[in-house]
N, C-alpha and C. Protein backbone atom coordinates (compact mmCIF):
# COMPACT_ATOMS: atom_id res chain seq x y z
N MET A 1 -4.28 -3.85 16.15
CA MET A 1 -5.68 -3.48 16.46
C MET A 1 -6.88 -3.46 16.73
N HIS A 2 -6.15 -3.65 18.39
CA HIS A 2 -7.16 -3.33 19.71
C HIS A 2 -6.61 -2.32 19.92
N THR A 3 -6.20 -1.00 19.80
CA THR A 3 -7.04 0.48 19.47
C THR A 3 -7.94 0.73 18.39
N GLU A 4 -7.54 0.31 16.94
CA GLU A 4 -8.58 1.23 16.31
C GLU A 4 -9.95 0.23 16.48
N VAL A 5 -9.86 -1.29 17.05
CA VAL A 5 -11.52 -1.23 17.80
C VAL A 5 -11.81 -0.84 18.48
N GLU A 6 -11.57 -0.27 20.11
CA GLU A 6 -11.74 1.40 20.77
C GLU A 6 -12.01 1.81 19.94
N ASP A 7 -11.64 2.83 19.05
CA ASP A 7 -12.14 3.92 18.51
C ASP A 7 -13.88 3.34 18.51
N LEU A 8 -13.33 2.35 17.35
CA LEU A 8 -14.61 2.13 16.58
C LEU A 8 -16.40 2.24 17.33
N GLN A 9 -15.48 1.01 18.73
CA GLN A 9 -15.88 0.72 19.60
C GLN A 9 -16.80 2.59 20.43
N ALA A 10 -15.86 3.48 20.56
CA ALA A 10 -16.45 4.98 20.94
C ALA A 10 -16.90 5.79 20.25
N VAL A 11 -16.99 5.76 18.64
CA VAL A 11 -17.75 6.53 17.45
C VAL A 11 -18.93 5.06 18.28
N VAL A 12 -18.73 4.45 17.93
CA VAL A 12 -20.25 3.66 17.23
C VAL A 12 -21.29 3.97 19.25
N ALA A 13 -20.58 4.22 20.03
CA ALA A 13 -21.27 4.22 21.79
C ALA A 13 -21.27 5.73 21.43
N HIS A 14 -20.67 6.73 20.19
CA HIS A 14 -21.43 8.19 20.97
C HIS A 14 -22.15 8.70 19.64
N SER A 15 -22.47 7.75 18.52
CA SER A 15 -23.08 7.70 17.88
C SER A 15 -24.70 7.33 17.90
N GLY A 16 -24.28 6.03 18.47
CA GLY A 16 -25.91 4.86 18.13
C GLY A 16 -25.35 4.12 17.45
N ALA A 17 -24.40 4.27 16.65
CA ALA A 17 -25.03 3.63 15.57
C ALA A 17 -25.25 1.62 15.44
N HIS A 18 -25.82 0.99 15.17
CA HIS A 18 -25.89 -0.13 15.01
C HIS A 18 -25.09 -0.92 13.85
N LYS A 19 -25.17 -0.12 12.90
CA LYS A 19 -24.36 -0.79 11.20
C LYS A 19 -23.45 0.46 11.47
N VAL A 20 -22.38 -0.71 10.45
CA VAL A 20 -20.82 -0.71 10.30
C VAL A 20 -20.33 -1.08 9.14
N PHE A 21 -19.62 -0.03 9.47
CA PHE A 21 -19.32 -0.49 7.41
C PHE A 21 -17.60 -0.44 7.09
N GLY A 22 -17.19 -1.39 6.63
CA GLY A 22 -15.64 -1.07 6.33
C GLY A 22 -15.21 -1.72 5.18
N VAL A 23 -13.82 -1.21 4.72
CA VAL A 23 -12.96 -1.45 3.20
C VAL A 23 -12.02 -2.35 3.98
N SER A 24 -11.52 -3.50 2.71
CA SER A 24 -10.34 -3.68 3.61
C SER A 24 -9.36 -3.95 5.15
N VAL A 25 -8.79 -3.62 5.60
CA VAL A 25 -8.54 -3.57 6.89
C VAL A 25 -9.19 -3.58 7.69
N SER A 26 -10.10 -2.20 7.80
CA SER A 26 -11.31 -1.26 8.71
C SER A 26 -12.46 -2.33 8.05
N ALA A 27 -12.38 -3.35 7.28
CA ALA A 27 -13.00 -4.21 7.45
C ALA A 27 -13.09 -5.02 8.06
N LEU A 28 -11.72 -5.61 8.29
CA LEU A 28 -11.13 -6.09 9.58
C LEU A 28 -11.88 -6.09 10.67
N ILE A 29 -11.44 -4.47 11.13
CA ILE A 29 -11.60 -3.72 11.92
C ILE A 29 -12.81 -4.01 12.78
N ALA A 30 -13.71 -3.71 11.49
CA ALA A 30 -15.57 -3.76 12.16
C ALA A 30 -16.01 -4.62 12.51
N LEU A 31 -15.46 -6.14 11.70
CA LEU A 31 -16.06 -8.15 12.10
C LEU A 31 -15.26 -8.18 13.86
N GLN A 32 -13.38 -7.52 13.78
CA GLN A 32 -13.49 -7.53 16.08
C GLN A 32 -13.94 -6.92 16.40
N ALA A 33 -14.41 -5.68 15.33
CA ALA A 33 -15.04 -4.82 17.11
C ALA A 33 -16.42 -5.49 17.32
N ALA A 34 -17.28 -5.49 16.30
CA ALA A 34 -18.52 -6.62 16.46
C ALA A 34 -19.27 -7.54 17.45
N ARG A 35 -17.59 -8.12 16.92
CA ARG A 35 -17.80 -10.13 17.36
C ARG A 35 -17.44 -9.14 19.64
N ALA A 36 -17.14 -7.65 19.64
CA ALA A 36 -17.01 -7.49 20.80
C ALA A 36 -18.03 -6.74 21.35
N THR A 37 -18.39 -5.78 20.60
CA THR A 37 -19.59 -4.89 20.76
C THR A 37 -20.97 -5.96 20.09
N PRO A 38 -21.67 -5.85 21.56
CA PRO A 38 -23.48 -5.91 21.24
C PRO A 38 -24.12 -4.95 20.41
N ALA A 39 -23.79 -3.76 20.85
CA ALA A 39 -24.64 -2.68 20.55
C ALA A 39 -24.68 -2.73 18.23
N ILE A 40 -23.49 -3.31 17.99
CA ILE A 40 -23.04 -3.17 16.71
C ILE A 40 -23.66 -4.56 15.99
N ARG A 41 -25.17 -4.19 14.69
CA ARG A 41 -26.06 -5.65 14.73
C ARG A 41 -25.51 -5.70 13.29
N GLN A 42 -25.15 -4.78 12.52
CA GLN A 42 -24.48 -5.30 11.29
C GLN A 42 -23.08 -5.17 11.10
N VAL A 43 -22.59 -5.74 9.62
CA VAL A 43 -21.45 -4.87 9.44
C VAL A 43 -21.80 -5.86 7.69
N ALA A 44 -21.04 -4.57 7.10
CA ALA A 44 -20.41 -5.21 6.15
C ALA A 44 -19.07 -4.64 5.83
N ALA A 45 -18.34 -5.59 5.45
CA ALA A 45 -16.95 -6.17 5.09
C ALA A 45 -16.98 -6.10 3.83
N TYR A 46 -16.32 -5.03 3.28
CA TYR A 46 -16.22 -4.63 2.02
C TYR A 46 -14.57 -5.36 2.07
N GLU A 47 -13.84 -7.15 0.95
CA GLU A 47 -12.89 -7.47 0.29
C GLU A 47 -12.06 -7.14 2.03
N PRO A 48 -12.61 -7.84 3.39
CA PRO A 48 -11.56 -7.68 3.81
C PRO A 48 -9.87 -7.92 3.95
N ALA A 49 -8.78 -7.63 4.39
CA ALA A 49 -8.00 -7.90 4.81
C ALA A 49 -7.33 -9.17 4.95
N LEU A 50 -7.63 -10.68 4.37
CA LEU A 50 -7.87 -11.50 4.83
C LEU A 50 -6.61 -12.10 4.17
N LEU A 51 -5.40 -12.84 4.77
CA LEU A 51 -4.22 -13.24 3.44
C LEU A 51 -4.73 -14.80 4.13
N MET A 52 -4.85 -15.51 2.91
CA MET A 52 -5.09 -17.20 3.56
C MET A 52 -3.84 -17.71 2.44
N HIS A 53 -2.56 -17.10 1.77
CA HIS A 53 -1.30 -17.75 1.22
C HIS A 53 -0.94 -17.76 2.24
N THR A 54 -0.60 -19.41 1.94
CA THR A 54 -0.14 -19.67 3.91
C THR A 54 1.97 -18.99 3.64
N SER A 55 1.85 -19.58 2.02
CA SER A 55 3.84 -19.52 2.09
C SER A 55 4.46 -18.75 2.38
N GLY A 56 3.94 -17.50 2.82
CA GLY A 56 4.39 -16.35 3.44
C GLY A 56 4.97 -15.45 2.33
N ARG A 57 4.10 -15.74 1.48
CA ARG A 57 4.54 -14.31 -0.39
C ARG A 57 4.38 -13.26 0.42
N TYR A 58 3.19 -13.21 0.77
CA TYR A 58 2.13 -11.71 0.65
C TYR A 58 2.98 -11.48 2.76
N THR A 59 3.45 -12.70 3.78
CA THR A 59 4.01 -11.50 4.82
C THR A 59 5.98 -11.59 5.39
N SER A 60 6.55 -12.37 4.38
CA SER A 60 7.84 -12.23 4.82
C SER A 60 8.29 -10.83 4.22
N TRP A 61 7.82 -10.09 3.65
CA TRP A 61 8.59 -8.18 4.01
C TRP A 61 8.19 -7.63 5.03
N VAL A 62 6.93 -7.95 5.79
CA VAL A 62 6.65 -7.21 7.17
C VAL A 62 7.74 -6.97 8.05
N GLY A 63 9.31 -7.55 7.66
CA GLY A 63 10.41 -7.35 9.53
C GLY A 63 11.23 -6.33 8.70
N ARG A 64 10.84 -5.83 7.47
CA ARG A 64 12.19 -5.78 6.59
C ARG A 64 10.52 -4.35 6.22
N PHE A 65 9.84 -3.86 6.81
CA PHE A 65 8.98 -3.40 6.86
C PHE A 65 8.88 -2.31 8.37
N GLU A 66 9.00 -2.66 9.36
CA GLU A 66 8.72 -2.68 10.22
C GLU A 66 10.53 -1.83 10.41
N GLU A 67 11.68 -2.78 9.99
CA GLU A 67 12.51 -1.92 10.25
C GLU A 67 12.80 -0.52 9.03
N GLU A 68 12.49 -1.09 8.05
CA GLU A 68 12.28 0.94 7.99
C GLU A 68 12.10 1.77 8.78
N MET A 69 10.91 1.40 8.73
CA MET A 69 9.22 2.72 9.39
C MET A 69 10.12 3.03 10.24
N ALA A 70 11.35 2.00 11.67
CA ALA A 70 11.85 2.18 13.08
C ALA A 70 12.90 3.57 12.65
N HIS A 71 13.31 3.28 11.09
CA HIS A 71 14.29 4.14 11.24
C HIS A 71 14.11 4.37 10.29
N GLY A 72 12.54 5.50 10.26
CA GLY A 72 12.10 6.62 9.59
C GLY A 72 12.02 6.43 8.37
N GLN A 73 12.26 5.48 7.50
CA GLN A 73 11.98 5.77 6.24
C GLN A 73 11.06 5.37 5.82
N VAL A 74 10.12 6.30 5.31
CA VAL A 74 8.45 6.02 4.98
C VAL A 74 8.92 5.86 3.67
N ALA A 75 9.15 6.22 3.00
CA ALA A 75 9.00 5.82 1.56
C ALA A 75 9.64 4.92 0.72
N ASP A 76 10.28 4.58 2.01
CA ASP A 76 11.30 3.18 1.77
C ASP A 76 9.99 2.06 2.27
N ALA A 77 9.46 2.18 3.42
CA ALA A 77 8.72 1.41 4.41
C ALA A 77 7.47 1.19 2.83
N LEU A 78 6.79 2.43 2.74
CA LEU A 78 5.62 1.82 1.31
C LEU A 78 6.06 1.40 -0.02
N ILE A 79 7.44 1.22 -0.52
CA ILE A 79 7.66 0.49 -1.59
C ILE A 79 7.81 -0.46 -1.36
N THR A 80 8.45 -0.96 0.03
CA THR A 80 8.27 -2.69 0.54
C THR A 80 6.73 -2.96 0.48
N CYS A 81 6.08 -2.07 1.17
CA CYS A 81 4.44 -2.30 0.82
C CYS A 81 4.41 -2.84 -0.38
N MET A 82 4.28 -1.91 -1.36
CA MET A 82 3.25 -2.19 -2.40
C MET A 82 4.50 -3.25 -2.89
N HIS A 83 5.32 -3.28 -3.44
CA HIS A 83 5.94 -4.35 -3.74
C HIS A 83 5.52 -6.08 -2.67
N GLY A 84 5.04 -5.62 -1.37
CA GLY A 84 4.56 -7.11 -0.88
C GLY A 84 3.36 -7.42 -1.88
N PHE A 85 2.69 -6.60 -1.70
CA PHE A 85 1.29 -7.00 -1.70
C PHE A 85 1.34 -7.27 -2.80
N ASP A 86 2.10 -6.68 -3.90
CA ASP A 86 2.04 -6.99 -5.88
C ASP A 86 0.75 -5.33 -6.11
N LEU A 87 1.12 -4.46 -5.55
CA LEU A 87 0.83 -3.14 -5.70
C LEU A 87 1.69 -1.94 -6.61
N ALA A 88 2.37 -2.59 -6.56
CA ALA A 88 4.28 -2.12 -7.37
C ALA A 88 2.67 -1.37 -8.54
N PRO A 89 2.98 -0.28 -8.78
CA PRO A 89 3.22 -0.08 -10.49
C PRO A 89 4.05 -0.24 -11.16
N PRO A 90 4.92 -0.42 -12.71
CA PRO A 90 5.83 -1.11 -13.00
C PRO A 90 5.81 0.16 -13.33
N ALA A 91 6.72 1.22 -13.08
CA ALA A 91 7.49 1.83 -13.92
C ALA A 91 8.85 1.58 -12.31
N MET A 92 8.11 1.11 -11.07
CA MET A 92 8.88 0.14 -9.99
C MET A 92 9.80 -0.41 -10.46
N SER A 93 8.99 -1.27 -10.97
CA SER A 93 10.08 -2.24 -11.46
C SER A 93 10.88 -2.57 -12.57
N LEU A 94 11.42 -1.63 -12.66
CA LEU A 94 12.00 -0.46 -14.06
C LEU A 94 13.55 -1.09 -13.91
N PRO A 95 14.19 -1.57 -14.94
CA PRO A 95 16.24 -1.80 -14.39
C PRO A 95 16.30 -0.31 -14.32
N SER A 96 17.90 -0.50 -13.36
CA SER A 96 18.43 0.28 -12.63
C SER A 96 19.37 0.41 -14.17
N SER A 97 19.43 2.22 -13.75
CA SER A 97 20.75 2.08 -14.89
C SER A 97 21.74 3.60 -13.71
N GLY A 98 23.26 2.70 -13.71
CA GLY A 98 24.77 2.80 -13.36
C GLY A 98 24.19 2.34 -12.12
N GLY A 99 24.64 2.61 -11.07
CA GLY A 99 24.89 2.05 -9.70
C GLY A 99 24.10 1.21 -9.73
N PRO A 100 23.72 0.11 -8.47
CA PRO A 100 23.21 -0.38 -7.58
C PRO A 100 22.82 -0.22 -6.96
N SER A 101 21.78 1.09 -6.19
CA SER A 101 21.18 2.21 -5.07
C SER A 101 21.22 0.22 -4.24
N GLN A 102 20.83 0.98 -2.94
CA GLN A 102 20.58 0.08 -1.61
C GLN A 102 19.64 -1.22 -1.66
N ARG A 103 19.22 -0.12 -1.96
CA ARG A 103 17.28 -1.40 -2.91
C ARG A 103 17.28 -2.64 -3.20
N SER A 104 18.17 -1.76 -4.36
CA SER A 104 18.79 -3.11 -5.66
C SER A 104 19.90 -4.14 -4.57
N ARG A 105 21.02 -3.78 -3.56
CA ARG A 105 21.93 -4.58 -3.60
C ARG A 105 20.51 -5.70 -2.53
N ARG A 106 19.55 -5.02 -1.96
CA ARG A 106 19.10 -6.10 -1.10
C ARG A 106 17.51 -6.19 -2.03
N ALA A 107 18.38 -6.94 -2.83
CA ALA A 107 17.21 -7.72 -3.99
C ALA A 107 16.44 -8.59 -3.77
N SER A 108 17.68 -9.53 -2.66
CA SER A 108 16.83 -10.47 -2.64
C SER A 108 16.05 -10.93 -1.74
N ASP A 109 15.89 -9.69 -0.85
CA ASP A 109 14.68 -9.81 0.78
C ASP A 109 13.64 -9.46 0.41
N ARG A 110 13.14 -9.44 -1.14
CA ARG A 110 11.96 -8.81 -1.53
C ARG A 110 11.47 -10.47 -1.76
N PRO A 111 9.94 -10.64 -1.51
CA PRO A 111 9.11 -12.06 -1.57
C PRO A 111 9.64 -12.62 -3.11
N ASP A 112 9.14 -11.72 -4.52
CA ASP A 112 8.98 -12.19 -5.46
C ASP A 112 10.27 -12.10 -6.13
N GLY A 113 11.75 -10.92 -5.92
CA GLY A 113 13.35 -11.20 -5.93
C GLY A 113 13.28 -9.84 -7.09
N ASP A 114 12.00 -8.55 -6.93
CA ASP A 114 12.28 -8.04 -8.00
C ASP A 114 12.38 -6.51 -7.29
N PRO A 115 13.92 -5.85 -6.82
CA PRO A 115 14.13 -4.48 -6.65
C PRO A 115 12.88 -3.79 -6.35
N ALA A 116 12.51 -2.55 -5.24
CA ALA A 116 11.82 -1.25 -5.12
C ALA A 116 12.95 -0.84 -5.88
N LEU A 117 12.20 0.59 -6.85
CA LEU A 117 12.97 1.97 -7.12
C LEU A 117 12.85 2.42 -5.96
N PRO A 118 14.32 3.19 -6.13
CA PRO A 118 13.93 5.25 -4.58
C PRO A 118 13.36 5.74 -6.06
N CYS A 119 12.28 6.16 -5.01
CA CYS A 119 12.11 7.54 -5.86
C CYS A 119 12.31 7.82 -6.68
N ARG A 120 13.44 8.51 -6.74
CA ARG A 120 13.91 9.26 -7.66
C ARG A 120 14.22 8.64 -9.24
N ARG A 121 14.42 7.32 -9.28
CA ARG A 121 13.87 6.82 -10.60
C ARG A 121 12.17 5.92 -10.95
N MET A 122 11.46 6.81 -9.39
CA MET A 122 10.03 6.32 -9.89
C MET A 122 9.77 7.49 -10.61
N ARG A 123 10.42 8.74 -10.44
CA ARG A 123 9.78 10.12 -11.00
C ARG A 123 10.67 10.61 -12.11
N ARG A 124 12.11 10.36 -12.30
CA ARG A 124 12.24 9.59 -14.01
C ARG A 124 11.92 9.36 -14.33
N ALA A 125 11.18 8.00 -14.70
CA ALA A 125 11.20 7.50 -15.25
C ALA A 125 9.40 7.87 -15.68
N GLU A 126 8.82 8.62 -15.02
CA GLU A 126 7.24 9.47 -14.94
C GLU A 126 7.71 10.38 -15.78
N ARG A 127 8.81 11.52 -15.94
CA ARG A 127 8.85 11.97 -16.16
C ARG A 127 9.62 11.85 -17.55
N GLU A 128 10.60 10.53 -18.12
CA GLU A 128 10.39 9.64 -19.74
C GLU A 128 9.28 9.38 -20.51
N GLN A 129 7.73 9.02 -19.77
CA GLN A 129 6.49 8.90 -19.88
C GLN A 129 6.03 9.78 -20.56
N GLN A 130 6.48 11.37 -19.71
CA GLN A 130 5.21 12.22 -19.91
C GLN A 130 5.73 12.95 -21.24
N ARG A 131 7.57 12.45 -21.77
CA ARG A 131 7.66 13.23 -23.55
C ARG A 131 6.60 11.68 -24.32
N GLU A 132 6.47 10.93 -24.38
CA GLU A 132 6.67 9.90 -25.22
C GLU A 132 5.23 10.80 -26.11
N PRO A 133 4.62 11.23 -27.17
CA PRO A 133 3.88 11.60 -28.35
C PRO A 133 2.78 11.55 -27.84
N GLY A 134 2.07 10.57 -27.51
CA GLY A 134 0.76 10.50 -27.32
C GLY A 134 1.32 10.76 -25.48
N HIS A 135 1.11 11.07 -24.82
CA HIS A 135 0.93 11.31 -23.12
C HIS A 135 -0.26 12.50 -23.09
N ARG A 136 -0.82 12.75 -22.36
CA ARG A 136 -2.32 12.61 -22.46
C ARG A 136 -1.08 14.49 -21.46
N ARG A 137 -0.27 14.89 -21.22
CA ARG A 137 0.18 16.35 -20.85
C ARG A 137 1.10 17.01 -22.19
N ASN A 138 0.85 15.93 -23.22
CA ASN A 138 1.73 16.20 -24.91
C ASN A 138 0.52 17.36 -25.30
N ARG A 139 -0.75 15.48 -25.50
CA ARG A 139 -1.59 16.71 -26.28
C ARG A 139 -2.54 17.89 -25.81
N ILE A 140 -3.02 17.88 -24.52
CA ILE A 140 -2.46 19.17 -23.98
C ILE A 140 -1.55 19.98 -24.46
N ARG A 141 -0.62 20.61 -24.45
CA ARG A 141 0.34 21.59 -24.91
C ARG A 141 0.30 21.26 -26.55
N LEU A 142 -0.08 20.93 -27.07
CA LEU A 142 -0.20 21.15 -28.45
C LEU A 142 -1.92 21.05 -29.43
N ARG A 143 -3.08 20.74 -28.19
CA ARG A 143 -3.77 21.80 -27.69
C ARG A 143 -3.53 23.30 -27.83
N ASP A 144 -2.97 23.94 -26.68
CA ASP A 144 -2.52 25.24 -26.40
C ASP A 144 -2.35 25.62 -27.67
N ALA A 145 -0.71 24.64 -27.99
CA ALA A 145 -0.59 25.84 -29.00
C ALA A 145 -0.79 26.07 -30.39
N ARG A 146 -2.08 25.47 -30.77
CA ARG A 146 -2.81 25.95 -31.81
C ARG A 146 -3.72 27.57 -32.11
């Protein structure tokens, strides 16, 4: 966060701004910068990303995330992060078909015990959903066919 605060301080110094707005993590950056930057007189912090839950539920996945990023597994790290913050869409919680993937074998690593789906399985679930009669794409095709 130190780098981000320095970046914000540089923007404030260059622009002459006295008011700062931040959402989620950027709200924390704005608050931290305001503590160290007298030029910032007002901060609007919308939903700062504060983790008040002390059981580790929302932080126990961070080690896995960092390991995946270090190995260049950006998609896996994104999925780990989405599951860690309970932001994963329902399609990513579908049961797997066929043999276990590396992710499903490591399901015990997840704070909620729910394995993340690899991207190809998520795309397959989306395609299957699109084949349903009431899906938006099918309605467009029917309308175009008339």
